Amino acid sequence: MRKERYKYMQIGKICGFYSIGCCLDELYGLDDPLGFISIMVENCKYSGLTVVGEVFDIDLLLDIAKTFIPRDIKVSKIKLNAAEDILNILSENTRVILPVQSGKTPHYVVLQSHNGRIVTCCNGGMVEKHSYKKLFRLHKNVKNKYDWKKFEVCSKFDFYINCKRYKLSEQEIQMWSRDWKDNRERLKMLRKRGKQEVKMKGYCLLFYR
């Protein structure tokens, strides 16, 4: 499957916040999407709603979205009963945040459009195409627990390689470097958090005008 780089990358373990920013940018237009996402993350860290940027509760993600979205944009929580529901709610004037399982970690991706059975989505800064049935399978595979013992931070070498590989802008490099240093310093503490309940399966968030 061929992947293309999106306009800006996800910086750190902030897929929920990144997805909100992506949806708003595509439907509304943001002057500084990465800056907007960073403000959301920092405000929610300060409020105790997230530690490193994780949001393992879709109701909490909905509340965060409602706090930051402009009045021109609406957001609703939608129940997913079947794979076809993905195609039914996705249109030119909508974007969808879909919970999926990505390796060991529950994750969010943005569904942008579909052409027949193939859905275009933004996954952390990479544009991908998947069948709607595969996306629904990934959604159904979302785990009910996240084990912080499995939390990982890349090495300095991998950080350097990623900067080159994804052709990061100066703003992206600065944000990624800050996030990387913070997580490296707190790695032992984060891994002591044990297991956390995950409430993401069965629903998605629909953004629309």
N, C-alpha and C. Protein backbone atom coordinates (compact mmCIF):
# COMPACT_ATOMS: atom_id res chain seq x y z
N MET A 1 0.83 -1.19 0.00
CA MET A 1 0.00 0.00 0.00
C MET A 1 0.87 1.25 0.00
N ARG A 2 0.65 2.14 -0.94
CA ARG A 2 1.42 3.37 -1.02
C ARG A 2 0.89 4.40 -0.02
N LYS A 3 1.84 5.04 0.68
CA LYS A 3 1.48 6.07 1.65
C LYS A 3 2.08 7.40 1.21
N GLU A 4 1.36 8.46 1.47
CA GLU A 4 1.85 9.80 1.19
C GLU A 4 1.82 10.63 2.46
N ARG A 5 2.73 11.57 2.54
CA ARG A 5 2.78 12.43 3.71
C ARG A 5 1.65 13.45 3.66
N TYR A 6 0.99 13.64 4.80
CA TYR A 6 -0.04 14.67 4.92
C TYR A 6 0.64 16.02 5.11
N LYS A 7 -0.12 17.09 5.16
CA LYS A 7 0.42 18.44 5.27
C LYS A 7 1.28 18.62 6.51
N TYR A 8 0.95 17.94 7.59
CA TYR A 8 1.71 18.04 8.84
C TYR A 8 1.60 16.71 9.58
N MET A 9 2.63 16.43 10.39
CA MET A 9 2.73 15.14 11.05
C MET A 9 2.14 15.20 12.46
N GLN A 10 1.75 14.03 12.95
CA GLN A 10 1.38 13.91 14.36
C GLN A 10 2.65 13.93 15.19
N ILE A 11 2.70 14.79 16.20
CA ILE A 11 3.88 14.92 17.04
C ILE A 11 3.60 14.30 18.40
N GLY A 12 4.16 13.12 18.65
CA GLY A 12 3.96 12.45 19.93
C GLY A 12 2.73 11.57 19.97
N LYS A 13 2.38 11.12 21.16
CA LYS A 13 1.26 10.19 21.36
C LYS A 13 -0.05 10.96 21.51
N ILE A 14 -0.39 11.73 20.50
CA ILE A 14 -1.53 12.67 20.61
C ILE A 14 -2.54 12.45 19.49
N CYS A 15 -2.77 11.19 19.12
CA CYS A 15 -3.59 10.92 17.94
C CYS A 15 -4.99 11.51 18.03
N GLY A 16 -5.58 11.54 19.23
CA GLY A 16 -6.92 12.12 19.38
C GLY A 16 -6.92 13.61 19.10
N PHE A 17 -5.96 14.33 19.69
CA PHE A 17 -5.85 15.77 19.47
C PHE A 17 -5.50 16.08 18.01
N TYR A 18 -4.57 15.29 17.48
CA TYR A 18 -4.19 15.47 16.07
C TYR A 18 -5.40 15.29 15.17
N SER A 19 -6.20 14.28 15.46
CA SER A 19 -7.38 14.00 14.62
C SER A 19 -8.40 15.13 14.68
N ILE A 20 -8.59 15.70 15.87
CA ILE A 20 -9.49 16.86 15.98
C ILE A 20 -8.98 18.00 15.12
N GLY A 21 -7.69 18.30 15.23
CA GLY A 21 -7.10 19.37 14.44
C GLY A 21 -7.22 19.13 12.95
N CYS A 22 -7.01 17.90 12.53
CA CYS A 22 -7.11 17.53 11.12
C CYS A 22 -8.54 17.75 10.60
N CYS A 23 -9.53 17.29 11.36
CA CYS A 23 -10.93 17.46 10.96
C CYS A 23 -11.30 18.93 10.84
N LEU A 24 -10.91 19.72 11.83
CA LEU A 24 -11.25 21.15 11.81
C LEU A 24 -10.53 21.87 10.68
N ASP A 25 -9.29 21.51 10.43
CA ASP A 25 -8.53 22.15 9.36
C ASP A 25 -9.16 21.89 8.00
N GLU A 26 -9.63 20.67 7.79
CA GLU A 26 -10.21 20.32 6.49
C GLU A 26 -11.60 20.90 6.30
N LEU A 27 -12.36 21.00 7.36
CA LEU A 27 -13.74 21.51 7.24
C LEU A 27 -13.84 23.02 7.42
N TYR A 28 -12.93 23.58 8.20
CA TYR A 28 -13.03 24.99 8.60
C TYR A 28 -11.84 25.81 8.12
N GLY A 29 -10.65 25.23 8.20
CA GLY A 29 -9.43 25.93 7.84
C GLY A 29 -8.80 26.56 9.07
N LEU A 30 -7.59 26.12 9.41
CA LEU A 30 -6.87 26.65 10.56
C LEU A 30 -5.61 27.35 10.08
N ASP A 31 -5.32 28.52 10.63
CA ASP A 31 -4.12 29.26 10.22
C ASP A 31 -2.85 28.52 10.61
N ASP A 32 -2.87 27.91 11.79
CA ASP A 32 -1.70 27.20 12.30
C ASP A 32 -2.17 25.90 12.95
N PRO A 33 -2.40 24.86 12.15
CA PRO A 33 -2.95 23.60 12.70
C PRO A 33 -2.10 23.00 13.81
N LEU A 34 -0.79 22.94 13.62
CA LEU A 34 0.07 22.35 14.65
C LEU A 34 0.05 23.18 15.94
N GLY A 35 0.02 24.49 15.79
CA GLY A 35 -0.08 25.35 16.96
C GLY A 35 -1.39 25.13 17.69
N PHE A 36 -2.48 25.00 16.93
CA PHE A 36 -3.80 24.75 17.51
C PHE A 36 -3.81 23.43 18.28
N ILE A 37 -3.23 22.39 17.67
CA ILE A 37 -3.17 21.07 18.31
C ILE A 37 -2.34 21.15 19.58
N SER A 38 -1.21 21.85 19.52
CA SER A 38 -0.34 21.98 20.68
C SER A 38 -1.04 22.67 21.84
N ILE A 39 -1.83 23.70 21.54
CA ILE A 39 -2.58 24.41 22.58
C ILE A 39 -3.59 23.48 23.25
N MET A 40 -4.30 22.68 22.45
CA MET A 40 -5.24 21.72 23.01
C MET A 40 -4.54 20.76 23.97
N VAL A 41 -3.42 20.21 23.50
CA VAL A 41 -2.68 19.23 24.31
C VAL A 41 -2.21 19.84 25.62
N GLU A 42 -1.59 21.01 25.55
CA GLU A 42 -1.05 21.63 26.76
C GLU A 42 -2.15 22.01 27.74
N ASN A 43 -3.27 22.51 27.24
CA ASN A 43 -4.40 22.85 28.12
C ASN A 43 -4.94 21.61 28.83
N CYS A 44 -5.02 20.51 28.09
CA CYS A 44 -5.58 19.28 28.68
C CYS A 44 -4.58 18.61 29.61
N LYS A 45 -3.29 18.75 29.35
CA LYS A 45 -2.29 18.26 30.31
C LYS A 45 -2.40 19.05 31.60
N TYR A 46 -2.51 20.35 31.48
CA TYR A 46 -2.61 21.22 32.65
C TYR A 46 -3.86 20.90 33.47
N SER A 47 -4.95 20.52 32.76
CA SER A 47 -6.22 20.21 33.44
C SER A 47 -6.26 18.78 33.97
N GLY A 48 -5.23 17.99 33.68
CA GLY A 48 -5.19 16.62 34.15
C GLY A 48 -6.00 15.65 33.33
N LEU A 49 -6.40 16.05 32.11
CA LEU A 49 -7.21 15.19 31.25
C LEU A 49 -6.36 14.19 30.47
N THR A 50 -5.06 14.46 30.37
CA THR A 50 -4.14 13.57 29.67
C THR A 50 -2.76 13.70 30.29
N VAL A 51 -1.95 12.67 30.11
CA VAL A 51 -0.59 12.70 30.67
C VAL A 51 0.42 13.04 29.58
N VAL A 52 0.43 12.24 28.51
CA VAL A 52 1.37 12.48 27.41
C VAL A 52 0.65 12.86 26.12
N GLY A 53 -0.69 12.92 26.19
CA GLY A 53 -1.48 13.22 25.00
C GLY A 53 -2.49 12.14 24.68
N GLU A 54 -2.48 11.07 25.47
CA GLU A 54 -3.41 9.96 25.25
C GLU A 54 -4.83 10.35 25.67
N VAL A 55 -5.82 9.85 24.91
CA VAL A 55 -7.23 10.01 25.30
C VAL A 55 -7.90 8.68 24.98
N PHE A 56 -7.97 7.80 25.99
CA PHE A 56 -8.49 6.45 25.78
C PHE A 56 -9.99 6.35 26.02
N ASP A 57 -10.67 7.47 26.06
CA ASP A 57 -12.12 7.51 26.28
C ASP A 57 -12.73 8.40 25.21
N ILE A 58 -13.55 7.84 24.34
CA ILE A 58 -14.09 8.62 23.23
C ILE A 58 -15.06 9.70 23.72
N ASP A 59 -15.71 9.49 24.87
CA ASP A 59 -16.57 10.55 25.42
C ASP A 59 -15.73 11.75 25.87
N LEU A 60 -14.55 11.49 26.43
CA LEU A 60 -13.65 12.56 26.80
C LEU A 60 -13.15 13.30 25.56
N LEU A 61 -12.84 12.54 24.51
CA LEU A 61 -12.40 13.18 23.26
C LEU A 61 -13.50 14.06 22.68
N LEU A 62 -14.74 13.61 22.79
CA LEU A 62 -15.88 14.40 22.34
C LEU A 62 -15.98 15.71 23.13
N ASP A 63 -15.82 15.63 24.44
CA ASP A 63 -15.88 16.83 25.27
C ASP A 63 -14.76 17.80 24.92
N ILE A 64 -13.57 17.27 24.67
CA ILE A 64 -12.44 18.12 24.29
C ILE A 64 -12.72 18.80 22.96
N ALA A 65 -13.25 18.04 22.01
CA ALA A 65 -13.57 18.61 20.70
C ALA A 65 -14.59 19.73 20.83
N LYS A 66 -15.63 19.52 21.62
CA LYS A 66 -16.67 20.53 21.79
C LYS A 66 -16.12 21.80 22.43
N THR A 67 -15.10 21.65 23.25
CA THR A 67 -14.49 22.81 23.91
C THR A 67 -13.74 23.69 22.93
N PHE A 68 -13.14 23.08 21.92
CA PHE A 68 -12.22 23.83 21.05
C PHE A 68 -12.75 24.12 19.65
N ILE A 69 -13.82 23.47 19.21
CA ILE A 69 -14.27 23.68 17.83
C ILE A 69 -14.96 25.03 17.68
N PRO A 70 -14.86 25.65 16.49
CA PRO A 70 -15.59 26.89 16.23
C PRO A 70 -17.09 26.61 16.09
N ARG A 71 -17.90 27.65 16.20
CA ARG A 71 -19.35 27.46 16.17
C ARG A 71 -19.85 26.97 14.81
N ASP A 72 -19.07 27.18 13.77
CA ASP A 72 -19.49 26.75 12.44
C ASP A 72 -19.44 25.23 12.27
N ILE A 73 -18.74 24.55 13.15
CA ILE A 73 -18.55 23.11 13.03
C ILE A 73 -19.29 22.40 14.17
N LYS A 74 -19.90 21.27 13.83
CA LYS A 74 -20.60 20.45 14.82
C LYS A 74 -19.87 19.12 14.95
N VAL A 75 -20.03 18.48 16.10
CA VAL A 75 -19.46 17.15 16.30
C VAL A 75 -20.44 16.30 17.08
N SER A 76 -20.59 15.05 16.67
CA SER A 76 -21.50 14.12 17.32
C SER A 76 -20.83 12.76 17.49
N LYS A 77 -21.24 12.06 18.52
CA LYS A 77 -20.80 10.69 18.73
C LYS A 77 -21.78 9.75 18.02
N ILE A 78 -21.25 8.89 17.15
CA ILE A 78 -22.08 8.01 16.33
C ILE A 78 -21.77 6.55 16.67
N LYS A 79 -22.80 5.76 16.86
CA LYS A 79 -22.63 4.33 17.13
C LYS A 79 -22.38 3.59 15.81
N LEU A 80 -21.41 2.70 15.82
CA LEU A 80 -21.08 1.90 14.64
C LEU A 80 -21.56 0.47 14.87
N ASN A 81 -22.56 0.09 14.10
CA ASN A 81 -23.11 -1.26 14.20
C ASN A 81 -22.57 -2.20 13.14
N ALA A 82 -22.18 -1.65 12.00
CA ALA A 82 -21.72 -2.46 10.87
C ALA A 82 -20.71 -1.66 10.05
N ALA A 83 -19.93 -2.37 9.24
CA ALA A 83 -18.91 -1.72 8.43
C ALA A 83 -19.50 -0.68 7.49
N GLU A 84 -20.69 -0.95 6.99
CA GLU A 84 -21.33 -0.04 6.04
C GLU A 84 -21.64 1.32 6.65
N ASP A 85 -21.74 1.38 7.96
CA ASP A 85 -22.00 2.67 8.62
C ASP A 85 -20.91 3.68 8.31
N ILE A 86 -19.70 3.20 8.11
CA ILE A 86 -18.58 4.10 7.79
C ILE A 86 -18.84 4.83 6.49
N LEU A 87 -19.30 4.12 5.49
CA LEU A 87 -19.57 4.74 4.18
C LEU A 87 -20.78 5.66 4.25
N ASN A 88 -21.75 5.30 5.05
CA ASN A 88 -23.00 6.07 5.11
C ASN A 88 -22.82 7.45 5.72
N ILE A 89 -21.87 7.61 6.64
CA ILE A 89 -21.71 8.90 7.32
C ILE A 89 -20.60 9.76 6.72
N LEU A 90 -19.84 9.19 5.79
CA LEU A 90 -18.70 9.92 5.23
C LEU A 90 -19.08 10.59 3.92
N SER A 91 -18.91 11.92 3.86
CA SER A 91 -19.25 12.68 2.65
C SER A 91 -18.28 13.84 2.50
N GLU A 92 -18.52 14.68 1.49
CA GLU A 92 -17.65 15.81 1.21
C GLU A 92 -17.62 16.80 2.38
N ASN A 93 -18.74 16.91 3.09
CA ASN A 93 -18.86 17.89 4.17
C ASN A 93 -18.74 17.28 5.56
N THR A 94 -18.20 16.07 5.65
CA THR A 94 -18.01 15.43 6.95
C THR A 94 -16.60 14.86 7.05
N ARG A 95 -16.14 14.73 8.28
CA ARG A 95 -14.91 14.00 8.58
C ARG A 95 -15.20 13.14 9.81
N VAL A 96 -14.53 12.01 9.90
CA VAL A 96 -14.82 11.05 10.96
C VAL A 96 -13.54 10.68 11.69
N ILE A 97 -13.59 10.72 13.02
CA ILE A 97 -12.50 10.18 13.83
C ILE A 97 -12.89 8.77 14.23
N LEU A 98 -12.10 7.81 13.77
CA LEU A 98 -12.41 6.39 14.00
C LEU A 98 -11.36 5.77 14.93
N PRO A 99 -11.78 5.20 16.06
CA PRO A 99 -10.85 4.44 16.90
C PRO A 99 -10.46 3.13 16.21
N VAL A 100 -9.18 2.79 16.24
CA VAL A 100 -8.69 1.53 15.70
C VAL A 100 -7.61 1.00 16.63
N GLN A 101 -7.26 -0.26 16.43
CA GLN A 101 -6.12 -0.82 17.18
C GLN A 101 -4.90 -0.75 16.29
N SER A 102 -3.84 -0.13 16.79
CA SER A 102 -2.58 0.00 16.04
C SER A 102 -1.48 -0.69 16.83
N GLY A 103 -1.17 -1.92 16.47
CA GLY A 103 -0.18 -2.67 17.23
C GLY A 103 -0.66 -2.90 18.65
N LYS A 104 0.12 -2.42 19.64
CA LYS A 104 -0.23 -2.61 21.05
C LYS A 104 -1.11 -1.50 21.59
N THR A 105 -1.35 -0.47 20.77
CA THR A 105 -1.95 0.76 21.31
C THR A 105 -3.27 1.12 20.63
N PRO A 106 -4.32 1.41 21.40
CA PRO A 106 -5.53 1.99 20.81
C PRO A 106 -5.18 3.33 20.16
N HIS A 107 -5.82 3.62 19.04
CA HIS A 107 -5.37 4.72 18.19
C HIS A 107 -6.59 5.36 17.53
N TYR A 108 -6.41 6.60 17.05
CA TYR A 108 -7.46 7.27 16.28
C TYR A 108 -6.92 7.64 14.90
N VAL A 109 -7.76 7.46 13.86
CA VAL A 109 -7.43 7.92 12.52
C VAL A 109 -8.58 8.80 12.02
N VAL A 110 -8.29 9.64 11.03
CA VAL A 110 -9.31 10.51 10.44
C VAL A 110 -9.73 9.95 9.08
N LEU A 111 -11.01 9.69 8.93
CA LEU A 111 -11.55 9.25 7.64
C LEU A 111 -11.93 10.50 6.85
N GLN A 112 -11.34 10.65 5.65
CA GLN A 112 -11.50 11.87 4.88
C GLN A 112 -12.52 11.75 3.76
N SER A 113 -12.51 10.63 3.05
CA SER A 113 -13.42 10.45 1.91
C SER A 113 -13.43 8.98 1.53
N HIS A 114 -14.32 8.63 0.63
CA HIS A 114 -14.29 7.26 0.11
C HIS A 114 -14.67 7.25 -1.37
N ASN A 115 -14.10 6.28 -2.07
CA ASN A 115 -14.40 6.04 -3.49
C ASN A 115 -14.83 4.58 -3.59
N GLY A 116 -16.13 4.38 -3.60
CA GLY A 116 -16.63 3.02 -3.54
C GLY A 116 -16.32 2.42 -2.18
N ARG A 117 -15.61 1.29 -2.18
CA ARG A 117 -15.31 0.61 -0.93
C ARG A 117 -13.99 1.06 -0.30
N ILE A 118 -13.24 1.91 -0.99
CA ILE A 118 -11.93 2.34 -0.52
C ILE A 118 -12.04 3.68 0.18
N VAL A 119 -11.54 3.72 1.41
CA VAL A 119 -11.60 4.92 2.25
C VAL A 119 -10.21 5.54 2.35
N THR A 120 -10.14 6.85 2.12
CA THR A 120 -8.90 7.59 2.32
C THR A 120 -8.89 8.13 3.73
N CYS A 121 -7.79 7.90 4.42
CA CYS A 121 -7.71 8.36 5.81
C CYS A 121 -6.35 8.95 6.10
N CYS A 122 -6.31 9.79 7.12
CA CYS A 122 -5.06 10.37 7.61
C CYS A 122 -4.70 9.65 8.90
N ASN A 123 -3.58 8.96 8.87
CA ASN A 123 -3.13 8.17 10.02
C ASN A 123 -1.84 8.76 10.57
N GLY A 124 -1.98 9.69 11.52
CA GLY A 124 -0.82 10.26 12.17
C GLY A 124 0.07 11.11 11.29
N GLY A 125 -0.45 11.53 10.16
CA GLY A 125 0.34 12.35 9.25
C GLY A 125 0.66 11.66 7.94
N MET A 126 0.21 10.43 7.79
CA MET A 126 0.37 9.70 6.53
C MET A 126 -1.01 9.44 5.93
N VAL A 127 -1.15 9.72 4.64
CA VAL A 127 -2.41 9.48 3.94
C VAL A 127 -2.42 8.04 3.43
N GLU A 128 -3.43 7.29 3.84
CA GLU A 128 -3.52 5.88 3.49
C GLU A 128 -4.89 5.57 2.88
N LYS A 129 -4.96 4.47 2.17
CA LYS A 129 -6.23 4.00 1.59
C LYS A 129 -6.47 2.57 2.05
N HIS A 130 -7.66 2.34 2.60
CA HIS A 130 -8.03 1.02 3.09
C HIS A 130 -9.48 0.72 2.71
N SER A 131 -9.81 -0.54 2.62
CA SER A 131 -11.21 -0.91 2.44
C SER A 131 -11.97 -0.60 3.72
N TYR A 132 -13.24 -0.24 3.57
CA TYR A 132 -14.03 0.09 4.75
C TYR A 132 -14.18 -1.10 5.68
N LYS A 133 -14.15 -2.31 5.12
CA LYS A 133 -14.28 -3.50 5.95
C LYS A 133 -13.02 -3.70 6.80
N LYS A 134 -11.85 -3.41 6.24
CA LYS A 134 -10.62 -3.53 7.02
C LYS A 134 -10.62 -2.52 8.17
N LEU A 135 -11.04 -1.29 7.89
CA LEU A 135 -11.10 -0.27 8.94
C LEU A 135 -12.05 -0.68 10.05
N PHE A 136 -13.17 -1.29 9.68
CA PHE A 136 -14.12 -1.74 10.71
C PHE A 136 -13.53 -2.88 11.54
N ARG A 137 -12.76 -3.75 10.90
CA ARG A 137 -12.10 -4.83 11.65
C ARG A 137 -11.10 -4.25 12.65
N LEU A 138 -10.32 -3.26 12.18
CA LEU A 138 -9.37 -2.62 13.09
C LEU A 138 -10.09 -1.93 14.24
N HIS A 139 -11.27 -1.40 13.96
CA HIS A 139 -12.07 -0.77 15.01
C HIS A 139 -12.56 -1.81 16.02
N LYS A 140 -13.04 -2.93 15.53
CA LYS A 140 -13.55 -3.97 16.43
C LYS A 140 -12.44 -4.60 17.26
N ASN A 141 -11.19 -4.45 16.81
CA ASN A 141 -10.06 -5.05 17.52
C ASN A 141 -9.51 -4.16 18.64
N VAL A 142 -10.10 -2.98 18.84
CA VAL A 142 -9.61 -2.08 19.89
C VAL A 142 -9.69 -2.79 21.25
N LYS A 143 -8.57 -2.79 21.96
CA LYS A 143 -8.50 -3.47 23.25
C LYS A 143 -9.23 -2.67 24.33
N ASN A 144 -9.61 -3.37 25.40
CA ASN A 144 -10.32 -2.72 26.51
C ASN A 144 -9.38 -2.17 27.58
N LYS A 145 -8.09 -2.52 27.47
CA LYS A 145 -7.09 -2.05 28.43
C LYS A 145 -5.83 -1.62 27.68
N TYR A 146 -5.15 -0.61 28.25
CA TYR A 146 -3.82 -0.26 27.75
C TYR A 146 -2.83 -0.43 28.89
N ASP A 147 -1.74 -1.13 28.61
CA ASP A 147 -0.72 -1.40 29.61
C ASP A 147 0.42 -0.40 29.45
N TRP A 148 0.55 0.50 30.41
CA TRP A 148 1.58 1.53 30.34
C TRP A 148 2.99 0.95 30.38
N LYS A 149 3.14 -0.31 30.80
CA LYS A 149 4.46 -0.94 30.77
C LYS A 149 4.98 -1.06 29.34
N LYS A 150 4.07 -1.02 28.37
CA LYS A 150 4.45 -1.16 26.97
C LYS A 150 4.72 0.20 26.30
N PHE A 151 4.60 1.27 27.08
CA PHE A 151 4.85 2.60 26.53
C PHE A 151 6.30 2.71 26.10
N GLU A 152 6.52 3.20 24.88
CA GLU A 152 7.86 3.27 24.32
C GLU A 152 8.19 4.67 23.83
N VAL A 153 9.47 5.01 23.90
CA VAL A 153 9.99 6.26 23.35
C VAL A 153 11.14 5.90 22.43
N CYS A 154 11.16 6.46 21.24
CA CYS A 154 12.18 6.09 20.27
C CYS A 154 13.57 6.54 20.73
N SER A 155 14.61 5.94 20.19
CA SER A 155 15.99 6.30 20.50
C SER A 155 16.36 7.61 19.81
N LYS A 156 17.50 8.17 20.19
CA LYS A 156 17.98 9.39 19.53
C LYS A 156 18.21 9.15 18.05
N PHE A 157 18.74 7.96 17.72
CA PHE A 157 18.99 7.63 16.32
C PHE A 157 17.69 7.57 15.53
N ASP A 158 16.67 6.89 16.09
CA ASP A 158 15.38 6.79 15.41
C ASP A 158 14.73 8.16 15.27
N PHE A 159 14.91 9.01 16.29
CA PHE A 159 14.38 10.37 16.22
C PHE A 159 15.00 11.11 15.05
N TYR A 160 16.31 10.99 14.89
CA TYR A 160 17.01 11.65 13.79
C TYR A 160 16.54 11.10 12.44
N ILE A 161 16.41 9.78 12.36
CA ILE A 161 15.97 9.14 11.11
C ILE A 161 14.56 9.60 10.73
N ASN A 162 13.67 9.68 11.73
CA ASN A 162 12.30 10.12 11.47
C ASN A 162 12.26 11.55 10.95
N CYS A 163 13.11 12.41 11.50
CA CYS A 163 13.17 13.80 11.03
C CYS A 163 13.51 13.85 9.55
N LYS A 164 14.45 13.01 9.14
CA LYS A 164 14.86 12.97 7.73
C LYS A 164 13.83 12.25 6.86
N ARG A 165 13.33 11.14 7.37
CA ARG A 165 12.40 10.31 6.61
C ARG A 165 11.12 11.06 6.25
N TYR A 166 10.57 11.80 7.23
CA TYR A 166 9.30 12.47 7.02
C TYR A 166 9.46 13.93 6.60
N LYS A 167 10.72 14.35 6.40
CA LYS A 167 11.01 15.71 5.95
C LYS A 167 10.28 16.73 6.83
N LEU A 168 10.54 16.63 8.13
CA LEU A 168 9.84 17.47 9.09
C LEU A 168 10.24 18.94 8.94
N SER A 169 9.26 19.80 9.11
CA SER A 169 9.52 21.23 9.11
C SER A 169 10.21 21.62 10.41
N GLU A 170 10.74 22.85 10.47
CA GLU A 170 11.38 23.32 11.69
C GLU A 170 10.41 23.31 12.86
N GLN A 171 9.15 23.71 12.61
CA GLN A 171 8.14 23.69 13.67
C GLN A 171 7.88 22.27 14.16
N GLU A 172 7.79 21.32 13.24
CA GLU A 172 7.55 19.93 13.62
C GLU A 172 8.73 19.37 14.42
N ILE A 173 9.96 19.69 14.00
CA ILE A 173 11.14 19.20 14.70
C ILE A 173 11.19 19.73 16.12
N GLN A 174 10.90 21.01 16.29
CA GLN A 174 10.91 21.61 17.63
C GLN A 174 9.86 20.97 18.53
N MET A 175 8.66 20.75 17.99
CA MET A 175 7.60 20.14 18.79
C MET A 175 7.93 18.69 19.12
N TRP A 176 8.45 17.95 18.15
CA TRP A 176 8.78 16.55 18.35
C TRP A 176 9.92 16.42 19.36
N SER A 177 10.93 17.30 19.25
CA SER A 177 12.06 17.27 20.17
C SER A 177 11.60 17.51 21.61
N ARG A 178 10.72 18.49 21.81
CA ARG A 178 10.21 18.79 23.14
C ARG A 178 9.42 17.61 23.71
N ASP A 179 8.56 17.02 22.87
CA ASP A 179 7.75 15.88 23.31
C ASP A 179 8.65 14.69 23.63
N TRP A 180 9.64 14.45 22.80
CA TRP A 180 10.55 13.32 22.97
C TRP A 180 11.32 13.45 24.28
N LYS A 181 11.85 14.63 24.56
CA LYS A 181 12.61 14.86 25.79
C LYS A 181 11.73 14.68 27.03
N ASP A 182 10.51 15.21 26.98
CA ASP A 182 9.59 15.09 28.12
C ASP A 182 9.30 13.63 28.42
N ASN A 183 9.01 12.85 27.38
CA ASN A 183 8.65 11.45 27.57
C ASN A 183 9.85 10.61 28.01
N ARG A 184 11.05 10.92 27.49
CA ARG A 184 12.25 10.20 27.92
C ARG A 184 12.50 10.41 29.41
N GLU A 185 12.30 11.64 29.86
CA GLU A 185 12.55 11.96 31.27
C GLU A 185 11.54 11.29 32.20
N ARG A 186 10.32 11.06 31.70
CA ARG A 186 9.26 10.50 32.54
C ARG A 186 8.98 9.04 32.27
N LEU A 187 9.85 8.39 31.49
CA LEU A 187 9.58 7.03 31.02
C LEU A 187 9.34 6.06 32.17
N LYS A 188 10.21 6.06 33.19
CA LYS A 188 10.04 5.13 34.31
C LYS A 188 8.74 5.39 35.05
N MET A 189 8.41 6.66 35.25
CA MET A 189 7.18 7.01 35.94
C MET A 189 5.97 6.56 35.14
N LEU A 190 6.00 6.76 33.82
CA LEU A 190 4.87 6.40 32.97
C LEU A 190 4.63 4.89 32.99
N ARG A 191 5.69 4.12 32.99
CA ARG A 191 5.56 2.67 32.95
C ARG A 191 5.04 2.09 34.27
N LYS A 192 5.04 2.89 35.32
CA LYS A 192 4.52 2.46 36.61
C LYS A 192 3.01 2.70 36.74
N ARG A 193 2.41 3.27 35.73
CA ARG A 193 0.98 3.60 35.81
C ARG A 193 0.08 2.38 35.72
N GLY A 194 0.64 1.25 35.32
CA GLY A 194 -0.15 0.02 35.25
C GLY A 194 -1.08 0.00 34.04
N LYS A 195 -2.22 -0.65 34.23
CA LYS A 195 -3.18 -0.77 33.14
C LYS A 195 -4.30 0.26 33.27
N GLN A 196 -4.70 0.81 32.11
CA GLN A 196 -5.74 1.82 32.08
C GLN A 196 -6.90 1.33 31.22
N GLU A 197 -8.11 1.58 31.68
CA GLU A 197 -9.29 1.19 30.93
C GLU A 197 -9.41 2.00 29.65
N VAL A 198 -9.81 1.34 28.58
CA VAL A 198 -9.99 1.98 27.28
C VAL A 198 -11.47 1.92 26.90
N LYS A 199 -12.06 3.08 26.60
CA LYS A 199 -13.47 3.15 26.22
C LYS A 199 -13.59 3.84 24.85
N MET A 200 -13.24 3.10 23.82
CA MET A 200 -13.22 3.66 22.46
C MET A 200 -14.03 2.84 21.46
N LYS A 201 -14.24 1.58 21.75
CA LYS A 201 -14.86 0.68 20.78
C LYS A 201 -16.37 0.92 20.64
N GLY A 202 -16.86 0.79 19.40
CA GLY A 202 -18.29 0.85 19.15
C GLY A 202 -18.81 2.19 18.68
N TYR A 203 -17.95 3.21 18.73
CA TYR A 203 -18.39 4.57 18.36
C TYR A 203 -17.30 5.29 17.57
N CYS A 204 -17.73 6.33 16.87
CA CYS A 204 -16.80 7.23 16.22
C CYS A 204 -17.31 8.65 16.43
N LEU A 205 -16.50 9.63 16.08
CA LEU A 205 -16.91 11.04 16.16
C LEU A 205 -17.08 11.58 14.75
N LEU A 206 -18.24 12.20 14.52
CA LEU A 206 -18.58 12.77 13.22
C LEU A 206 -18.49 14.29 13.30
N PHE A 207 -17.67 14.89 12.46
CA PHE A 207 -17.55 16.35 12.37
C PHE A 207 -18.24 16.79 11.08
N TYR A 208 -19.03 17.86 11.17
CA TYR A 208 -19.78 18.30 10.00
C TYR A 208 -20.12 19.79 10.13
N ARG A 209 -20.42 20.38 9.00
CA ARG A 209 -20.85 21.78 8.98
C ARG A 209 -22.33 21.89 9.23
